[in-house]
Amino acid sequence: MEFIIIIVHLQGITQTAEQRHQLIKRMEPLIEENEKLKEAMKLVEKNIQRTQRERDLAESNSRDLEYQKGILSEQLAAAFEQLRGKSE
């Protein structure tokens, strides 16, 4: 009787081990896909950071151009006043 209980118990252990093995086999492609997704997310994050730097640079350049435009407008106005003064 005890022998039969031991056999049934061992069969249960064997089934559990086989089920575990099958689950691991099914998880392997998911693990690989997860790694690919992690790499893709890293690339996306790098692209976001690069785009933010480019945007910041474009905004800085825009401010510089606006400042230069103001300076040139003032210089043009001063030159125009000088010409007006000489022509009078």
N, C-alpha and C. Protein backbone atom coordinates (compact mmCIF):
# COMPACT_ATOMS: atom_id res chain seq x y z
N MET A 1 0.82 -1.19 0.00
CA MET A 1 0.00 0.00 0.00
C MET A 1 0.87 1.26 0.00
N GLU A 2 1.86 1.27 0.87
CA GLU A 2 2.74 2.44 0.92
C GLU A 2 3.49 2.61 -0.39
N PHE A 3 3.81 1.50 -1.02
CA PHE A 3 4.51 1.54 -2.30
C PHE A 3 3.65 2.26 -3.35
N ILE A 4 2.37 1.99 -3.36
CA ILE A 4 1.45 2.62 -4.32
C ILE A 4 1.35 4.12 -4.04
N ILE A 5 1.31 4.50 -2.80
CA ILE A 5 1.25 5.92 -2.43
C ILE A 5 2.51 6.63 -2.90
N ILE A 6 3.64 5.98 -2.72
CA ILE A 6 4.92 6.56 -3.16
C ILE A 6 4.92 6.72 -4.67
N ILE A 7 4.43 5.72 -5.40
CA ILE A 7 4.39 5.78 -6.87
C ILE A 7 3.49 6.92 -7.33
N VAL A 8 2.32 7.02 -6.71
CA VAL A 8 1.38 8.11 -7.07
C VAL A 8 2.03 9.45 -6.78
N HIS A 9 2.69 9.55 -5.66
CA HIS A 9 3.37 10.79 -5.29
C HIS A 9 4.47 11.13 -6.30
N LEU A 10 5.25 10.15 -6.69
CA LEU A 10 6.31 10.37 -7.68
C LEU A 10 5.73 10.77 -9.04
N GLN A 11 4.61 10.18 -9.41
CA GLN A 11 3.96 10.56 -10.67
C GLN A 11 3.52 12.03 -10.62
N GLY A 12 3.01 12.44 -9.46
CA GLY A 12 2.61 13.84 -9.28
C GLY A 12 3.81 14.78 -9.41
N ILE A 13 4.90 14.39 -8.82
CA ILE A 13 6.14 15.19 -8.90
C ILE A 13 6.60 15.27 -10.35
N THR A 14 6.55 14.12 -11.06
CA THR A 14 6.97 14.08 -12.46
C THR A 14 6.08 14.98 -13.31
N GLN A 15 4.77 14.92 -13.07
CA GLN A 15 3.84 15.78 -13.82
C GLN A 15 4.13 17.25 -13.56
N THR A 16 4.35 17.58 -12.31
CA THR A 16 4.65 18.97 -11.95
C THR A 16 5.94 19.44 -12.61
N ALA A 17 6.94 18.60 -12.61
CA ALA A 17 8.21 18.96 -13.25
C ALA A 17 8.02 19.15 -14.75
N GLU A 18 7.23 18.29 -15.37
CA GLU A 18 6.97 18.41 -16.81
C GLU A 18 6.19 19.68 -17.12
N GLN A 19 5.21 19.99 -16.30
CA GLN A 19 4.44 21.22 -16.49
C GLN A 19 5.34 22.45 -16.34
N ARG A 20 6.21 22.39 -15.36
CA ARG A 20 7.15 23.49 -15.15
C ARG A 20 8.06 23.64 -16.36
N HIS A 21 8.55 22.54 -16.88
CA HIS A 21 9.41 22.56 -18.06
C HIS A 21 8.67 23.16 -19.26
N GLN A 22 7.40 22.78 -19.44
CA GLN A 22 6.61 23.32 -20.55
C GLN A 22 6.38 24.82 -20.40
N LEU A 23 6.14 25.26 -19.16
CA LEU A 23 5.95 26.69 -18.92
C LEU A 23 7.22 27.48 -19.25
N ILE A 24 8.35 26.92 -18.84
CA ILE A 24 9.63 27.59 -19.13
C ILE A 24 9.84 27.68 -20.64
N LYS A 25 9.52 26.61 -21.35
CA LYS A 25 9.66 26.61 -22.82
C LYS A 25 8.76 27.68 -23.44
N ARG A 26 7.54 27.82 -22.90
CA ARG A 26 6.61 28.82 -23.44
C ARG A 26 7.07 30.24 -23.09
N MET A 27 7.78 30.40 -21.99
CA MET A 27 8.24 31.72 -21.56
C MET A 27 9.46 32.21 -22.33
N GLU A 28 10.26 31.30 -22.87
CA GLU A 28 11.51 31.69 -23.54
C GLU A 28 11.27 32.73 -24.65
N PRO A 29 10.31 32.52 -25.56
CA PRO A 29 10.09 33.54 -26.59
C PRO A 29 9.63 34.88 -25.99
N LEU A 30 8.88 34.80 -24.88
CA LEU A 30 8.42 36.02 -24.22
C LEU A 30 9.60 36.79 -23.62
N ILE A 31 10.54 36.06 -23.08
CA ILE A 31 11.74 36.69 -22.51
C ILE A 31 12.53 37.39 -23.61
N GLU A 32 12.68 36.70 -24.75
CA GLU A 32 13.40 37.31 -25.88
C GLU A 32 12.66 38.55 -26.37
N GLU A 33 11.35 38.46 -26.49
CA GLU A 33 10.56 39.61 -26.95
C GLU A 33 10.67 40.77 -25.96
N ASN A 34 10.67 40.45 -24.68
CA ASN A 34 10.81 41.47 -23.65
C ASN A 34 12.15 42.20 -23.79
N GLU A 35 13.22 41.45 -24.05
CA GLU A 35 14.54 42.06 -24.23
C GLU A 35 14.54 42.99 -25.44
N LYS A 36 13.90 42.54 -26.53
CA LYS A 36 13.82 43.39 -27.73
C LYS A 36 13.05 44.67 -27.43
N LEU A 37 11.97 44.54 -26.67
CA LEU A 37 11.18 45.72 -26.32
C LEU A 37 11.97 46.68 -25.42
N LYS A 38 12.77 46.12 -24.51
CA LYS A 38 13.62 46.97 -23.66
C LYS A 38 14.61 47.75 -24.51
N GLU A 39 15.23 47.08 -25.48
CA GLU A 39 16.17 47.75 -26.38
C GLU A 39 15.47 48.84 -27.19
N ALA A 40 14.26 48.52 -27.67
CA ALA A 40 13.50 49.51 -28.44
C ALA A 40 13.17 50.72 -27.57
N MET A 41 12.83 50.49 -26.31
CA MET A 41 12.52 51.59 -25.40
C MET A 41 13.76 52.46 -25.15
N LYS A 42 14.91 51.82 -25.05
CA LYS A 42 16.15 52.59 -24.88
C LYS A 42 16.39 53.49 -26.09
N LEU A 43 16.15 52.95 -27.29
CA LEU A 43 16.32 53.75 -28.50
C LEU A 43 15.33 54.90 -28.55
N VAL A 44 14.09 54.62 -28.15
CA VAL A 44 13.07 55.67 -28.13
C VAL A 44 13.48 56.77 -27.16
N GLU A 45 13.97 56.40 -25.98
CA GLU A 45 14.39 57.38 -24.98
C GLU A 45 15.56 58.23 -25.52
N LYS A 46 16.51 57.57 -26.19
CA LYS A 46 17.63 58.32 -26.78
C LYS A 46 17.12 59.31 -27.83
N ASN A 47 16.17 58.86 -28.66
CA ASN A 47 15.61 59.75 -29.69
C ASN A 47 14.86 60.91 -29.06
N ILE A 48 14.14 60.65 -27.98
CA ILE A 48 13.43 61.74 -27.28
C ILE A 48 14.43 62.75 -26.75
N GLN A 49 15.49 62.27 -26.12
CA GLN A 49 16.51 63.18 -25.58
C GLN A 49 17.17 63.99 -26.69
N ARG A 50 17.49 63.33 -27.81
CA ARG A 50 18.12 64.03 -28.94
C ARG A 50 17.18 65.08 -29.50
N THR A 51 15.92 64.73 -29.62
CA THR A 51 14.93 65.67 -30.15
C THR A 51 14.77 66.86 -29.20
N GLN A 52 14.78 66.62 -27.91
CA GLN A 52 14.68 67.71 -26.94
C GLN A 52 15.89 68.64 -27.04
N ARG A 53 17.09 68.05 -27.20
CA ARG A 53 18.29 68.89 -27.36
C ARG A 53 18.20 69.73 -28.64
N GLU A 54 17.73 69.10 -29.72
CA GLU A 54 17.60 69.83 -30.99
C GLU A 54 16.57 70.95 -30.86
N ARG A 55 15.46 70.67 -30.17
CA ARG A 55 14.43 71.69 -29.95
C ARG A 55 15.01 72.86 -29.12
N ASP A 56 15.74 72.52 -28.05
CA ASP A 56 16.34 73.56 -27.21
C ASP A 56 17.32 74.41 -28.01
N LEU A 57 18.10 73.75 -28.87
CA LEU A 57 19.05 74.48 -29.71
C LEU A 57 18.31 75.39 -30.69
N ALA A 58 17.24 74.89 -31.29
CA ALA A 58 16.47 75.70 -32.23
C ALA A 58 15.85 76.90 -31.52
N GLU A 59 15.35 76.70 -30.30
CA GLU A 59 14.79 77.81 -29.54
C GLU A 59 15.86 78.84 -29.20
N SER A 60 17.05 78.36 -28.83
CA SER A 60 18.15 79.26 -28.52
C SER A 60 18.57 80.06 -29.76
N ASN A 61 18.66 79.36 -30.89
CA ASN A 61 19.00 80.05 -32.14
C ASN A 61 17.96 81.08 -32.51
N SER A 62 16.71 80.76 -32.28
CA SER A 62 15.62 81.69 -32.58
C SER A 62 15.74 82.95 -31.71
N ARG A 63 16.03 82.77 -30.43
CA ARG A 63 16.21 83.93 -29.54
C ARG A 63 17.40 84.77 -29.99
N ASP A 64 18.50 84.10 -30.37
CA ASP A 64 19.68 84.82 -30.86
C ASP A 64 19.35 85.64 -32.11
N LEU A 65 18.61 85.03 -33.03
CA LEU A 65 18.24 85.75 -34.26
C LEU A 65 17.33 86.93 -33.97
N GLU A 66 16.40 86.76 -33.04
CA GLU A 66 15.53 87.88 -32.66
C GLU A 66 16.36 89.02 -32.06
N TYR A 67 17.33 88.66 -31.22
CA TYR A 67 18.21 89.67 -30.63
C TYR A 67 19.01 90.38 -31.71
N GLN A 68 19.60 89.60 -32.62
CA GLN A 68 20.38 90.20 -33.72
C GLN A 68 19.49 91.08 -34.60
N LYS A 69 18.26 90.66 -34.82
CA LYS A 69 17.32 91.46 -35.61
C LYS A 69 17.09 92.81 -34.94
N GLY A 70 16.94 92.79 -33.61
CA GLY A 70 16.75 94.04 -32.86
C GLY A 70 17.96 94.95 -32.99
N ILE A 71 19.15 94.38 -32.85
CA ILE A 71 20.40 95.16 -32.97
C ILE A 71 20.50 95.77 -34.38
N LEU A 72 20.26 94.93 -35.40
CA LEU A 72 20.38 95.42 -36.78
C LEU A 72 19.32 96.49 -37.07
N SER A 73 18.13 96.32 -36.51
CA SER A 73 17.09 97.34 -36.70
C SER A 73 17.51 98.66 -36.09
N GLU A 74 18.12 98.60 -34.91
CA GLU A 74 18.59 99.82 -34.25
C GLU A 74 19.72 100.45 -35.07
N GLN A 75 20.63 99.63 -35.58
CA GLN A 75 21.72 100.16 -36.39
C GLN A 75 21.20 100.78 -37.68
N LEU A 76 20.22 100.14 -38.29
CA LEU A 76 19.63 100.67 -39.51
C LEU A 76 18.94 101.99 -39.24
N ALA A 77 18.22 102.08 -38.13
CA ALA A 77 17.54 103.32 -37.76
C ALA A 77 18.56 104.43 -37.51
N ALA A 78 19.66 104.08 -36.84
CA ALA A 78 20.70 105.09 -36.56
C ALA A 78 21.34 105.55 -37.87
N ALA A 79 21.62 104.60 -38.78
CA ALA A 79 22.22 104.97 -40.07
C ALA A 79 21.24 105.82 -40.88
N PHE A 80 19.97 105.50 -40.83
CA PHE A 80 18.96 106.29 -41.54
C PHE A 80 18.91 107.71 -40.98
N GLU A 81 18.98 107.84 -39.67
CA GLU A 81 18.97 109.18 -39.04
C GLU A 81 20.21 109.97 -39.44
N GLN A 82 21.35 109.30 -39.52
CA GLN A 82 22.58 109.98 -39.95
C GLN A 82 22.43 110.48 -41.37
N LEU A 83 21.91 109.65 -42.24
CA LEU A 83 21.71 110.06 -43.64
C LEU A 83 20.71 111.20 -43.73
N ARG A 84 19.66 111.14 -42.96
CA ARG A 84 18.68 112.20 -42.96
C ARG A 84 19.31 113.52 -42.48
N GLY A 85 20.14 113.39 -41.43
CA GLY A 85 20.81 114.60 -40.90
C GLY A 85 21.75 115.19 -41.92
N LYS A 86 22.46 114.36 -42.70
CA LYS A 86 23.40 114.87 -43.70
C LYS A 86 22.67 115.47 -44.90
N SER A 87 21.52 114.94 -45.20
CA SER A 87 20.81 115.45 -46.38
C SER A 87 20.08 116.74 -46.07
N GLU A 88 19.87 117.08 -44.82
CA GLU A 88 19.18 118.32 -44.48
C GLU A 88 20.08 119.49 -44.42
